[in-house]
């Protein structure tokens, strides 16, 4: 794909989403349930791309610590597992959840 075509596609996506905010989107939870981001209106939302087999995986500990420190001020951290960067998140949702809770004491809410 040429750079010009990629740029055109990106611009088209941006224009189409111009009337939307992050709160208009619904993700699936790690358990496969709909998780509308509208539930976080009025809070500080940090969306984080995560992967269990990435060199940055120890970020889970810092993210959980940051959440615990600032949750009373309205912080919400939404981890979004992605396997599209070097196949660093190859497991099932259950495997990802087990890994995160056992190795990094991450709590899924």
PDB file of N, CA and C in Angstrom:
ATOM      1  N   UNK A   1       0.852  -1.166   0.000  1.00  0.00           N
ATOM      2  CA  UNK A   1       0.000   0.000   0.000  1.00  0.00           C
ATOM      3  C   UNK A   1       0.904   1.237   0.000  1.00  0.00           C
ATOM      4  N   UNK A   2       0.598   2.176  -0.849  1.00  0.00           N
ATOM      5  CA  UNK A   2       1.426   3.373  -0.943  1.00  0.00           C
ATOM      6  C   UNK A   2       1.148   4.301   0.221  1.00  0.00           C
ATOM      7  N   UNK A   3       2.103   5.180   0.485  1.00  0.00           N
ATOM      8  CA  UNK A   3       1.938   6.146   1.578  1.00  0.00           C
ATOM      9  C   UNK A   3       0.749   7.056   1.326  1.00  0.00           C
ATOM     10  N   UNK A   4       0.534   7.448   0.074  1.00  0.00           N
ATOM     11  CA  UNK A   4      -0.581   8.343  -0.251  1.00  0.00           C
ATOM     12  C   UNK A   4      -1.924   7.678   0.047  1.00  0.00           C
ATOM     13  N   UNK A   5      -2.060   6.392  -0.324  1.00  0.00           N
ATOM     14  CA  UNK A   5      -3.294   5.678  -0.073  1.00  0.00           C
ATOM     15  C   UNK A   5      -3.509   5.488   1.428  1.00  0.00           C
ATOM     16  N   UNK A   6      -2.462   5.153   2.133  1.00  0.00           N
ATOM     17  CA  UNK A   6      -2.545   4.990   3.581  1.00  0.00           C
ATOM     18  C   UNK A   6      -2.967   6.302   4.241  1.00  0.00           C
ATOM     19  N   UNK A   7      -2.396   7.403   3.799  1.00  0.00           N
ATOM     20  CA  UNK A   7      -2.750   8.715   4.332  1.00  0.00           C
ATOM     21  C   UNK A   7      -4.214   9.031   4.046  1.00  0.00           C
ATOM     22  N   UNK A   8      -4.665   8.724   2.836  1.00  0.00           N
ATOM     23  CA  UNK A   8      -6.050   8.972   2.456  1.00  0.00           C
ATOM     24  C   UNK A   8      -7.006   8.159   3.326  1.00  0.00           C
ATOM     25  N   UNK A   9      -6.677   6.893   3.567  1.00  0.00           N
ATOM     26  CA  UNK A   9      -7.516   6.051   4.415  1.00  0.00           C
ATOM     27  C   UNK A   9      -7.560   6.566   5.844  1.00  0.00           C
ATOM     28  N   UNK A  10      -6.411   6.992   6.358  1.00  0.00           N
ATOM     29  CA  UNK A  10      -6.354   7.541   7.714  1.00  0.00           C
ATOM     30  C   UNK A  10      -7.203   8.799   7.819  1.00  0.00           C
ATOM     31  N   UNK A  11      -7.090   9.690   6.839  1.00  0.00           N
ATOM     32  CA  UNK A  11      -7.864  10.938   6.842  1.00  0.00           C
ATOM     33  C   UNK A  11      -9.362  10.647   6.754  1.00  0.00           C
ATOM     34  N   UNK A  12      -9.741   9.680   5.939  1.00  0.00           N
ATOM     35  CA  UNK A  12     -11.155   9.324   5.811  1.00  0.00           C
ATOM     36  C   UNK A  12     -11.695   8.782   7.127  1.00  0.00           C
ATOM     37  N   UNK A  13     -10.913   7.964   7.795  1.00  0.00           N
ATOM     38  CA  UNK A  13     -11.343   7.423   9.090  1.00  0.00           C
ATOM     39  C   UNK A  13     -11.486   8.536  10.118  1.00  0.00           C
ATOM     40  N   UNK A  14     -10.570   9.490  10.096  1.00  0.00           N
ATOM     41  CA  UNK A  14     -10.634  10.611  11.039  1.00  0.00           C
ATOM     42  C   UNK A  14     -11.874  11.469  10.797  1.00  0.00           C
ATOM     43  N   UNK A  15     -12.209  11.710   9.545  1.00  0.00           N
ATOM     44  CA  UNK A  15     -13.391  12.514   9.214  1.00  0.00           C
ATOM     45  C   UNK A  15     -14.659  11.770   9.636  1.00  0.00           C
ATOM     46  N   UNK A  16     -14.704  10.467   9.379  1.00  0.00           N
ATOM     47  CA  UNK A  16     -15.885   9.689   9.738  1.00  0.00           C
ATOM     48  C   UNK A  16     -16.087   9.643  11.242  1.00  0.00           C
ATOM     49  N   UNK A  17     -15.020   9.658  12.007  1.00  0.00           N
ATOM     50  CA  UNK A  17     -15.113   9.577  13.461  1.00  0.00           C
ATOM     51  C   UNK A  17     -15.173  10.950  14.120  1.00  0.00           C
ATOM     52  N   UNK A  18     -15.183  12.014  13.328  1.00  0.00           N
ATOM     53  CA  UNK A  18     -15.122  13.366  13.876  1.00  0.00           C
ATOM     54  C   UNK A  18     -16.280  13.682  14.812  1.00  0.00           C
ATOM     55  N   UNK A  19     -17.433  13.097  14.586  1.00  0.00           N
ATOM     56  CA  UNK A  19     -18.591  13.379  15.422  1.00  0.00           C
ATOM     57  C   UNK A  19     -18.674  12.458  16.640  1.00  0.00           C
ATOM     58  N   UNK A  20     -17.700  11.623  16.810  1.00  0.00           N
ATOM     59  CA  UNK A  20     -17.711  10.671  17.911  1.00  0.00           C
ATOM     60  C   UNK A  20     -16.640  11.012  18.939  1.00  0.00           C
ATOM     61  N   UNK A  21     -16.869  10.557  20.143  1.00  0.00           N
ATOM     62  CA  UNK A  21     -15.846  10.664  21.175  1.00  0.00           C
ATOM     63  C   UNK A  21     -15.515   9.245  21.625  1.00  0.00           C
ATOM     64  N   UNK A  22     -14.556   9.110  22.468  1.00  0.00           N
ATOM     65  CA  UNK A  22     -14.158   7.792  22.967  1.00  0.00           C
ATOM     66  C   UNK A  22     -15.327   7.122  23.677  1.00  0.00           C
ATOM     67  N   UNK A  23     -16.224   7.916  24.248  1.00  0.00           N
ATOM     68  CA  UNK A  23     -17.364   7.372  24.986  1.00  0.00           C
ATOM     69  C   UNK A  23     -18.432   6.750  24.092  1.00  0.00           C
ATOM     70  N   UNK A  24     -18.325   6.934  22.782  1.00  0.00           N
ATOM     71  CA  UNK A  24     -19.278   6.353  21.846  1.00  0.00           C
ATOM     72  C   UNK A  24     -18.920   4.917  21.450  1.00  0.00           C
ATOM     73  N   UNK A  25     -17.812   4.418  21.944  1.00  0.00           N
ATOM     74  CA  UNK A  25     -17.348   3.095  21.548  1.00  0.00           C
ATOM     75  C   UNK A  25     -17.558   2.073  22.660  1.00  0.00           C
ATOM     76  N   UNK A  26     -17.769   0.845  22.248  1.00  0.00           N
ATOM     77  CA  UNK A  26     -17.902  -0.270  23.177  1.00  0.00           C
ATOM     78  C   UNK A  26     -16.844  -1.302  22.816  1.00  0.00           C
ATOM     79  N   UNK A  27     -16.102  -1.727  23.802  1.00  0.00           N
ATOM     80  CA  UNK A  27     -15.109  -2.785  23.635  1.00  0.00           C
ATOM     81  C   UNK A  27     -15.676  -4.052  24.252  1.00  0.00           C
ATOM     82  N   UNK A  28     -15.010  -5.148  24.048  1.00  0.00           N
ATOM     83  CA  UNK A  28     -15.368  -6.371  24.756  1.00  0.00           C
ATOM     84  C   UNK A  28     -14.433  -6.524  25.938  1.00  0.00           C
ATOM     85  N   UNK A  29     -14.973  -6.929  27.080  1.00  0.00           N
ATOM     86  CA  UNK A  29     -14.136  -7.186  28.247  1.00  0.00           C
ATOM     87  C   UNK A  29     -13.333  -8.463  28.016  1.00  0.00           C
ATOM     88  N   UNK A  30     -12.395  -8.738  28.896  1.00  0.00           N
ATOM     89  CA  UNK A  30     -11.581  -9.951  28.792  1.00  0.00           C
ATOM     90  C   UNK A  30     -12.470 -11.199  28.876  1.00  0.00           C
ATOM     91  N   UNK A  31     -13.655 -11.041  29.476  1.00  0.00           N
ATOM     92  CA  UNK A  31     -14.597 -12.149  29.596  1.00  0.00           C
ATOM     93  C   UNK A  31     -15.616 -12.173  28.467  1.00  0.00           C
ATOM     94  N   UNK A  32     -15.419 -11.314  27.446  1.00  0.00           N
ATOM     95  CA  UNK A  32     -16.279 -11.308  26.277  1.00  0.00           C
ATOM     96  C   UNK A  32     -17.568 -10.521  26.419  1.00  0.00           C
ATOM     97  N   UNK A  33     -17.730  -9.797  27.506  1.00  0.00           N
ATOM     98  CA  UNK A  33     -18.937  -9.001  27.721  1.00  0.00           C
ATOM     99  C   UNK A  33     -18.755  -7.599  27.152  1.00  0.00           C
ATOM    100  N   UNK A  34     -19.823  -6.977  26.653  1.00  0.00           N
ATOM    101  CA  UNK A  34     -19.712  -5.600  26.164  1.00  0.00           C
ATOM    102  C   UNK A  34     -19.273  -4.675  27.299  1.00  0.00           C
ATOM    103  N   UNK A  35     -18.335  -3.797  26.991  1.00  0.00           N
ATOM    104  CA  UNK A  35     -17.819  -2.837  27.974  1.00  0.00           C
ATOM    105  C   UNK A  35     -17.873  -1.446  27.354  1.00  0.00           C
ATOM    106  N   UNK A  36     -19.035  -0.779  27.454  1.00  0.00           N
ATOM    107  CA  UNK A  36     -19.152   0.553  26.861  1.00  0.00           C
ATOM    108  C   UNK A  36     -18.256   1.557  27.582  1.00  0.00           C
ATOM    109  N   UNK A  37     -17.484   2.290  26.810  1.00  0.00           N
ATOM    110  CA  UNK A  37     -16.613   3.298  27.410  1.00  0.00           C
ATOM    111  C   UNK A  37     -17.424   4.452  27.998  1.00  0.00           C
ATOM    112  N   UNK A  38     -18.692   4.556  27.647  1.00  0.00           N
ATOM    113  CA  UNK A  38     -19.560   5.585  28.224  1.00  0.00           C
ATOM    114  C   UNK A  38     -19.663   5.422  29.740  1.00  0.00           C
ATOM    115  N   UNK A  39     -19.413   4.229  30.238  1.00  0.00           N
ATOM    116  CA  UNK A  39     -19.457   3.986  31.686  1.00  0.00           C
ATOM    117  C   UNK A  39     -18.385   4.786  32.420  1.00  0.00           C
ATOM    118  N   UNK A  40     -17.390   5.295  31.690  1.00  0.00           N
ATOM    119  CA  UNK A  40     -16.283   6.013  32.313  1.00  0.00           C
ATOM    120  C   UNK A  40     -16.382   7.526  32.151  1.00  0.00           C
ATOM    121  N   UNK A  41     -17.532   8.031  31.678  1.00  0.00           N
ATOM    122  CA  UNK A  41     -17.686   9.486  31.539  1.00  0.00           C
ATOM    123  C   UNK A  41     -17.447  10.151  32.882  1.00  0.00           C
ATOM    124  N   UNK A  42     -16.713  11.258  32.851  1.00  0.00           N
ATOM    125  CA  UNK A  42     -16.410  11.985  34.079  1.00  0.00           C
ATOM    126  C   UNK A  42     -15.167  11.482  34.784  1.00  0.00           C
ATOM    127  N   UNK A  43     -14.543  10.455  34.259  1.00  0.00           N
ATOM    128  CA  UNK A  43     -13.321   9.905  34.838  1.00  0.00           C
ATOM    129  C   UNK A  43     -12.145  10.171  33.903  1.00  0.00           C
ATOM    130  N   UNK A  44     -10.966  10.003  34.422  1.00  0.00           N
ATOM    131  CA  UNK A  44      -9.753  10.097  33.608  1.00  0.00           C
ATOM    132  C   UNK A  44      -9.485   8.692  33.095  1.00  0.00           C
ATOM    133  N   UNK A  45      -9.540   8.522  31.773  1.00  0.00           N
ATOM    134  CA  UNK A  45      -9.407   7.196  31.171  1.00  0.00           C
ATOM    135  C   UNK A  45      -8.069   7.081  30.453  1.00  0.00           C
ATOM    136  N   UNK A  46      -7.311   6.073  30.811  1.00  0.00           N
ATOM    137  CA  UNK A  46      -6.046   5.779  30.153  1.00  0.00           C
ATOM    138  C   UNK A  46      -6.207   4.461  29.416  1.00  0.00           C
ATOM    139  N   UNK A  47      -6.170   4.501  28.080  1.00  0.00           N
ATOM    140  CA  UNK A  47      -6.255   3.295  27.256  1.00  0.00           C
ATOM    141  C   UNK A  47      -4.831   2.843  26.957  1.00  0.00           C
ATOM    142  N   UNK A  48      -4.526   1.582  27.285  1.00  0.00           N
ATOM    143  CA  UNK A  48      -3.165   1.068  27.133  1.00  0.00           C
ATOM    144  C   UNK A  48      -3.170  -0.190  26.285  1.00  0.00           C
ATOM    145  N   UNK A  49      -2.378  -0.181  25.212  1.00  0.00           N
ATOM    146  CA  UNK A  49      -2.178  -1.366  24.393  1.00  0.00           C
ATOM    147  C   UNK A  49      -1.195  -2.253  25.146  1.00  0.00           C
ATOM    148  N   UNK A  50      -1.594  -3.480  25.451  1.00  0.00           N
ATOM    149  CA  UNK A  50      -0.756  -4.380  26.242  1.00  0.00           C
ATOM    150  C   UNK A  50      -0.537  -5.700  25.524  1.00  0.00           C
ATOM    151  N   UNK A  51       0.531  -6.389  25.905  1.00  0.00           N
ATOM    152  CA  UNK A  51       0.827  -7.717  25.369  1.00  0.00           C
ATOM    153  C   UNK A  51       1.678  -8.470  26.380  1.00  0.00           C
ATOM    154  N   UNK A  52       1.293  -9.691  26.680  1.00  0.00           N
ATOM    155  CA  UNK A  52       1.955 -10.488  27.714  1.00  0.00           C
ATOM    156  C   UNK A  52       3.391 -10.863  27.405  1.00  0.00           C
ATOM    157  N   UNK A  53       3.727 -10.986  26.133  1.00  0.00           N
ATOM    158  CA  UNK A  53       5.081 -11.415  25.773  1.00  0.00           C
ATOM    159  C   UNK A  53       5.904 -10.284  25.175  1.00  0.00           C
ATOM    160  N   UNK A  54       5.597  -9.080  25.569  1.00  0.00           N
ATOM    161  CA  UNK A  54       6.292  -7.883  25.089  1.00  0.00           C
ATOM    162  C   UNK A  54       7.381  -7.501  26.100  1.00  0.00           C
ATOM    163  N   UNK A  55       8.400  -6.844  25.631  1.00  0.00           N
ATOM    164  CA  UNK A  55       9.457  -6.375  26.520  1.00  0.00           C
ATOM    165  C   UNK A  55       8.964  -5.363  27.549  1.00  0.00           C
ATOM    166  N   UNK A  56       7.797  -4.767  27.288  1.00  0.00           N
ATOM    167  CA  UNK A  56       7.236  -3.794  28.221  1.00  0.00           C
ATOM    168  C   UNK A  56       6.206  -4.416  29.163  1.00  0.00           C
ATOM    169  N   UNK A  57       6.057  -5.729  29.148  1.00  0.00           N
ATOM    170  CA  UNK A  57       5.054  -6.389  29.974  1.00  0.00           C
ATOM    171  C   UNK A  57       5.166  -6.033  31.458  1.00  0.00           C
ATOM    172  N   UNK A  58       6.356  -5.810  32.009  1.00  0.00           N
ATOM    173  CA  UNK A  58       6.413  -5.399  33.419  1.00  0.00           C
ATOM    174  C   UNK A  58       5.657  -4.099  33.724  1.00  0.00           C
ATOM    175  N   UNK A  59       5.169  -3.414  32.660  1.00  0.00           N
ATOM    176  CA  UNK A  59       4.361  -2.220  32.880  1.00  0.00           C
ATOM    177  C   UNK A  59       3.091  -2.542  33.662  1.00  0.00           C
ATOM    178  N   UNK A  60       2.654  -3.798  33.652  1.00  0.00           N
ATOM    179  CA  UNK A  60       1.447  -4.171  34.390  1.00  0.00           C
ATOM    180  C   UNK A  60       1.575  -3.791  35.865  1.00  0.00           C
ATOM    181  N   UNK A  61       2.728  -4.020  36.456  1.00  0.00           N
ATOM    182  CA  UNK A  61       2.930  -3.701  37.864  1.00  0.00           C
ATOM    183  C   UNK A  61       2.793  -2.200  38.098  1.00  0.00           C
ATOM    184  N   UNK A  62       3.423  -1.404  37.256  1.00  0.00           N
ATOM    185  CA  UNK A  62       3.342   0.051  37.402  1.00  0.00           C
ATOM    186  C   UNK A  62       1.930   0.558  37.129  1.00  0.00           C
ATOM    187  N   UNK A  63       1.256  -0.023  36.140  1.00  0.00           N
ATOM    188  CA  UNK A  63      -0.116   0.394  35.839  1.00  0.00           C
ATOM    189  C   UNK A  63      -1.050   0.088  37.003  1.00  0.00           C
ATOM    190  N   UNK A  64      -0.922  -1.095  37.580  1.00  0.00           N
ATOM    191  CA  UNK A  64      -1.774  -1.466  38.712  1.00  0.00           C
ATOM    192  C   UNK A  64      -1.493  -0.553  39.909  1.00  0.00           C
ATOM    193  N   UNK A  65      -0.238  -0.251  40.140  1.00  0.00           N
ATOM    194  CA  UNK A  65       0.146   0.646  41.233  1.00  0.00           C
ATOM    195  C   UNK A  65      -0.398   2.057  41.014  1.00  0.00           C
ATOM    196  N   UNK A  66      -0.295   2.541  39.781  1.00  0.00           N
ATOM    197  CA  UNK A  66      -0.815   3.866  39.444  1.00  0.00           C
ATOM    198  C   UNK A  66      -2.326   3.906  39.625  1.00  0.00           C
ATOM    199  N   UNK A  67      -2.995   2.854  39.195  1.00  0.00           N
ATOM    200  CA  UNK A  67      -4.451   2.788  39.363  1.00  0.00           C
ATOM    201  C   UNK A  67      -4.816   2.837  40.849  1.00  0.00           C
ATOM    202  N   UNK A  68      -4.166   2.022  41.652  1.00  0.00           N
ATOM    203  CA  UNK A  68      -4.466   1.990  43.086  1.00  0.00           C
ATOM    204  C   UNK A  68      -4.241   3.365  43.726  1.00  0.00           C
ATOM    205  N   UNK A  69      -3.213   4.060  43.284  1.00  0.00           N
ATOM    206  CA  UNK A  69      -2.881   5.365  43.858  1.00  0.00           C
ATOM    207  C   UNK A  69      -3.899   6.445  43.479  1.00  0.00           C
ATOM    208  N   UNK A  70      -4.411   6.397  42.241  1.00  0.00           N
ATOM    209  CA  UNK A  70      -5.251   7.488  41.741  1.00  0.00           C
ATOM    210  C   UNK A  70      -6.711   7.121  41.466  1.00  0.00           C
ATOM    211  N   UNK A  71      -7.127   5.909  41.784  1.00  0.00           N
ATOM    212  CA  UNK A  71      -8.506   5.527  41.492  1.00  0.00           C
ATOM    213  C   UNK A  71      -9.501   6.402  42.239  1.00  0.00           C
ATOM    214  N   UNK A  72      -9.156   6.854  43.435  1.00  0.00           N
ATOM    215  CA  UNK A  72     -10.076   7.708  44.187  1.00  0.00           C
ATOM    216  C   UNK A  72     -10.228   9.089  43.541  1.00  0.00           C
ATOM    217  N   UNK A  73      -9.274   9.448  42.669  1.00  0.00           N
ATOM    218  CA  UNK A  73      -9.356  10.722  41.936  1.00  0.00           C
ATOM    219  C   UNK A  73     -10.050  10.534  40.590  1.00  0.00           C
ATOM    220  N   UNK A  74     -10.514   9.302  40.317  1.00  0.00           N
ATOM    221  CA  UNK A  74     -11.270   9.058  39.093  1.00  0.00           C
ATOM    222  C   UNK A  74     -10.500   8.408  37.966  1.00  0.00           C
ATOM    223  N   UNK A  75      -9.294   7.905  38.237  1.00  0.00           N
ATOM    224  CA  UNK A  75      -8.522   7.260  37.169  1.00  0.00           C
ATOM    225  C   UNK A  75      -9.062   5.869  36.867  1.00  0.00           C
ATOM    226  N   UNK A  76      -9.185   5.580  35.587  1.00  0.00           N
ATOM    227  CA  UNK A  76      -9.540   4.251  35.102  1.00  0.00           C
ATOM    228  C   UNK A  76      -8.494   3.875  34.059  1.00  0.00           C
ATOM    229  N   UNK A  77      -7.933   2.673  34.173  1.00  0.00           N
ATOM    230  CA  UNK A  77      -6.974   2.194  33.178  1.00  0.00           C
ATOM    231  C   UNK A  77      -7.610   1.019  32.452  1.00  0.00           C
ATOM    232  N   UNK A  78      -7.694   1.147  31.132  1.00  0.00           N
ATOM    233  CA  UNK A  78      -8.278   0.098  30.301  1.00  0.00           C
ATOM    234  C   UNK A  78      -7.154  -0.523  29.489  1.00  0.00           C
ATOM    235  N   UNK A  79      -6.821  -1.772  29.810  1.00  0.00           N
ATOM    236  CA  UNK A  79      -5.806  -2.498  29.055  1.00  0.00           C
ATOM    237  C   UNK A  79      -6.452  -3.167  27.860  1.00  0.00           C
ATOM    238  N   UNK A  80      -5.844  -2.992  26.700  1.00  0.00           N
ATOM    239  CA  UNK A  80      -6.380  -3.571  25.470  1.00  0.00           C
ATOM    240  C   UNK A  80      -5.328  -4.514  24.890  1.00  0.00           C
ATOM    241  N   UNK A  81      -5.481  -5.829  25.150  1.00  0.00           N
ATOM    242  CA  UNK A  81      -4.508  -6.780  24.607  1.00  0.00           C
ATOM    243  C   UNK A  81      -4.545  -6.787  23.076  1.00  0.00           C
ATOM    244  N   UNK A  82      -3.364  -6.799  22.477  1.00  0.00           N
ATOM    245  CA  UNK A  82      -3.275  -6.802  21.016  1.00  0.00           C
ATOM    246  C   UNK A  82      -2.176  -7.749  20.571  1.00  0.00           C
ATOM    247  N   UNK A  83      -2.490  -8.570  19.593  1.00  0.00           N
ATOM    248  CA  UNK A  83      -1.513  -9.524  19.061  1.00  0.00           C
ATOM    249  C   UNK A  83      -0.989  -9.084  17.699  1.00  0.00           C
ATOM    250  N   UNK A  84      -1.243  -7.855  17.317  1.00  0.00           N
ATOM    251  CA  UNK A  84      -0.864  -7.409  15.972  1.00  0.00           C
ATOM    252  C   UNK A  84       0.476  -6.694  15.918  1.00  0.00           C
ATOM    253  N   UNK A  85       1.277  -6.798  16.954  1.00  0.00           N
ATOM    254  CA  UNK A  85       2.617  -6.221  16.947  1.00  0.00           C
ATOM    255  C   UNK A  85       3.619  -7.321  17.279  1.00  0.00           C
ATOM    256  N   UNK A  86       4.040  -8.043  16.275  1.00  0.00           N
ATOM    257  CA  UNK A  86       5.031  -9.094  16.484  1.00  0.00           C
ATOM    258  C   UNK A  86       4.500 -10.322  17.189  1.00  0.00           C
ATOM    259  N   UNK A  87       3.190 -10.541  17.154  1.00  0.00           N
ATOM    260  CA  UNK A  87       2.566 -11.727  17.775  1.00  0.00           C
ATOM    261  C   UNK A  87       2.975 -11.870  19.238  1.00  0.00           C
ATOM    262  N   UNK A  88       2.905 -10.771  19.984  1.00  0.00           N
ATOM    263  CA  UNK A  88       3.335 -10.769  21.384  1.00  0.00           C
ATOM    264  C   UNK A  88       2.194 -11.043  22.365  1.00  0.00           C
ATOM    265  N   UNK A  89       1.001 -11.309  21.846  1.00  0.00           N
ATOM    266  CA  UNK A  89      -0.144 -11.661  22.695  1.00  0.00           C
ATOM    267  C   UNK A  89      -0.909 -12.804  22.042  1.00  0.00           C
ATOM    268  N   UNK A  90      -0.270 -13.995  21.947  1.00  0.00           N
ATOM    269  CA  UNK A  90      -0.862 -15.086  21.174  1.00  0.00           C
ATOM    270  C   UNK A  90      -1.911 -15.917  21.904  1.00  0.00           C
ATOM    271  N   UNK A  91      -2.122 -15.707  23.182  1.00  0.00           N
ATOM    272  CA  UNK A  91      -3.019 -16.570  23.943  1.00  0.00           C
ATOM    273  C   UNK A  91      -4.485 -16.223  23.804  1.00  0.00           C
ATOM    274  N   UNK A  92      -5.315 -17.088  24.382  1.00  0.00           N
ATOM    275  CA  UNK A  92      -6.750 -16.830  24.462  1.00  0.00           C
ATOM    276  C   UNK A  92      -6.983 -15.784  25.553  1.00  0.00           C
ATOM    277  N   UNK A  93      -8.187 -15.252  25.596  1.00  0.00           N
ATOM    278  CA  UNK A  93      -8.509 -14.287  26.646  1.00  0.00           C
ATOM    279  C   UNK A  93      -8.304 -14.886  28.027  1.00  0.00           C
ATOM    280  N   UNK A  94      -8.700 -16.147  28.219  1.00  0.00           N
ATOM    281  CA  UNK A  94      -8.524 -16.790  29.522  1.00  0.00           C
ATOM    282  C   UNK A  94      -7.041 -16.946  29.859  1.00  0.00           C
ATOM    283  N   UNK A  95      -6.220 -17.306  28.875  1.00  0.00           N
ATOM    284  CA  UNK A  95      -4.777 -17.428  29.117  1.00  0.00           C
ATOM    285  C   UNK A  95      -4.165 -16.073  29.468  1.00  0.00           C
ATOM    286  N   UNK A  96      -4.603 -15.030  28.789  1.00  0.00           N
ATOM    287  CA  UNK A  96      -4.109 -13.679  29.077  1.00  0.00           C
ATOM    288  C   UNK A  96      -4.497 -13.279  30.498  1.00  0.00           C
ATOM    289  N   UNK A  97      -5.742 -13.523  30.864  1.00  0.00           N
ATOM    290  CA  UNK A  97      -6.230 -13.172  32.201  1.00  0.00           C
ATOM    291  C   UNK A  97      -5.461 -13.932  33.279  1.00  0.00           C
ATOM    292  N   UNK A  98      -5.272 -15.221  33.074  1.00  0.00           N
ATOM    293  CA  UNK A  98      -4.529 -16.037  34.043  1.00  0.00           C
ATOM    294  C   UNK A  98      -3.095 -15.537  34.182  1.00  0.00           C
ATOM    295  N   UNK A  99      -2.444 -15.253  33.069  1.00  0.00           N
ATOM    296  CA  UNK A  99      -1.074 -14.749  33.091  1.00  0.00           C
ATOM    297  C   UNK A  99      -0.981 -13.445  33.881  1.00  0.00           C
ATOM    298  N   UNK A 100      -1.866 -12.518  33.575  1.00  0.00           N
ATOM    299  CA  UNK A 100      -1.812 -11.191  34.207  1.00  0.00           C
ATOM    300  C   UNK A 100      -2.098 -11.253  35.704  1.00  0.00           C
ATOM    301  N   UNK A 101      -3.061 -12.082  36.096  1.00  0.00           N
ATOM    302  CA  UNK A 101      -3.400 -12.162  37.515  1.00  0.00           C
ATOM    303  C   UNK A 101      -2.357 -12.931  38.314  1.00  0.00           C
ATOM    304  N   UNK A 102      -1.776 -13.965  37.725  1.00  0.00           N
ATOM    305  CA  UNK A 102      -0.806 -14.767  38.475  1.00  0.00           C
ATOM    306  C   UNK A 102       0.588 -14.157  38.515  1.00  0.00           C
ATOM    307  N   UNK A 103       1.028 -13.579  37.418  1.00  0.00           N
ATOM    308  CA  UNK A 103       2.392 -13.051  37.361  1.00  0.00           C
ATOM    309  C   UNK A 103       2.501 -11.601  37.841  1.00  0.00           C
ATOM    310  N   UNK A 104       1.476 -10.790  37.558  1.00  0.00           N
ATOM    311  CA  UNK A 104       1.564  -9.366  37.868  1.00  0.00           C
ATOM    312  C   UNK A 104       0.482  -8.864  38.820  1.00  0.00           C
ATOM    313  N   UNK A 105      -0.333  -9.773  39.369  1.00  0.00           N
ATOM    314  CA  UNK A 105      -1.360  -9.412  40.339  1.00  0.00           C
ATOM    315  C   UNK A 105      -2.317  -8.350  39.803  1.00  0.00           C
ATOM    316  N   UNK A 106      -2.586  -8.396  38.511  1.00  0.00           N
ATOM    317  CA  UNK A 106      -3.510  -7.457  37.875  1.00  0.00           C
ATOM    318  C   UNK A 106      -4.934  -7.874  38.228  1.00  0.00           C
ATOM    319  N   UNK A 107      -5.757  -6.908  38.555  1.00  0.00           N
ATOM    320  CA  UNK A 107      -7.154  -7.164  38.864  1.00  0.00           C
ATOM    321  C   UNK A 107      -8.009  -6.711  37.695  1.00  0.00           C
ATOM    322  N   UNK A 108      -8.885  -7.583  37.235  1.00  0.00           N
ATOM    323  CA  UNK A 108      -9.797  -7.234  36.152  1.00  0.00           C
ATOM    324  C   UNK A 108     -11.108  -6.784  36.773  1.00  0.00           C
ATOM    325  N   UNK A 109     -11.584  -5.637  36.348  1.00  0.00           N
ATOM    326  CA  UNK A 109     -12.807  -5.069  36.919  1.00  0.00           C
ATOM    327  C   UNK A 109     -13.850  -4.956  35.861  1.00  0.00           C
TER     328      UNK A 109
END
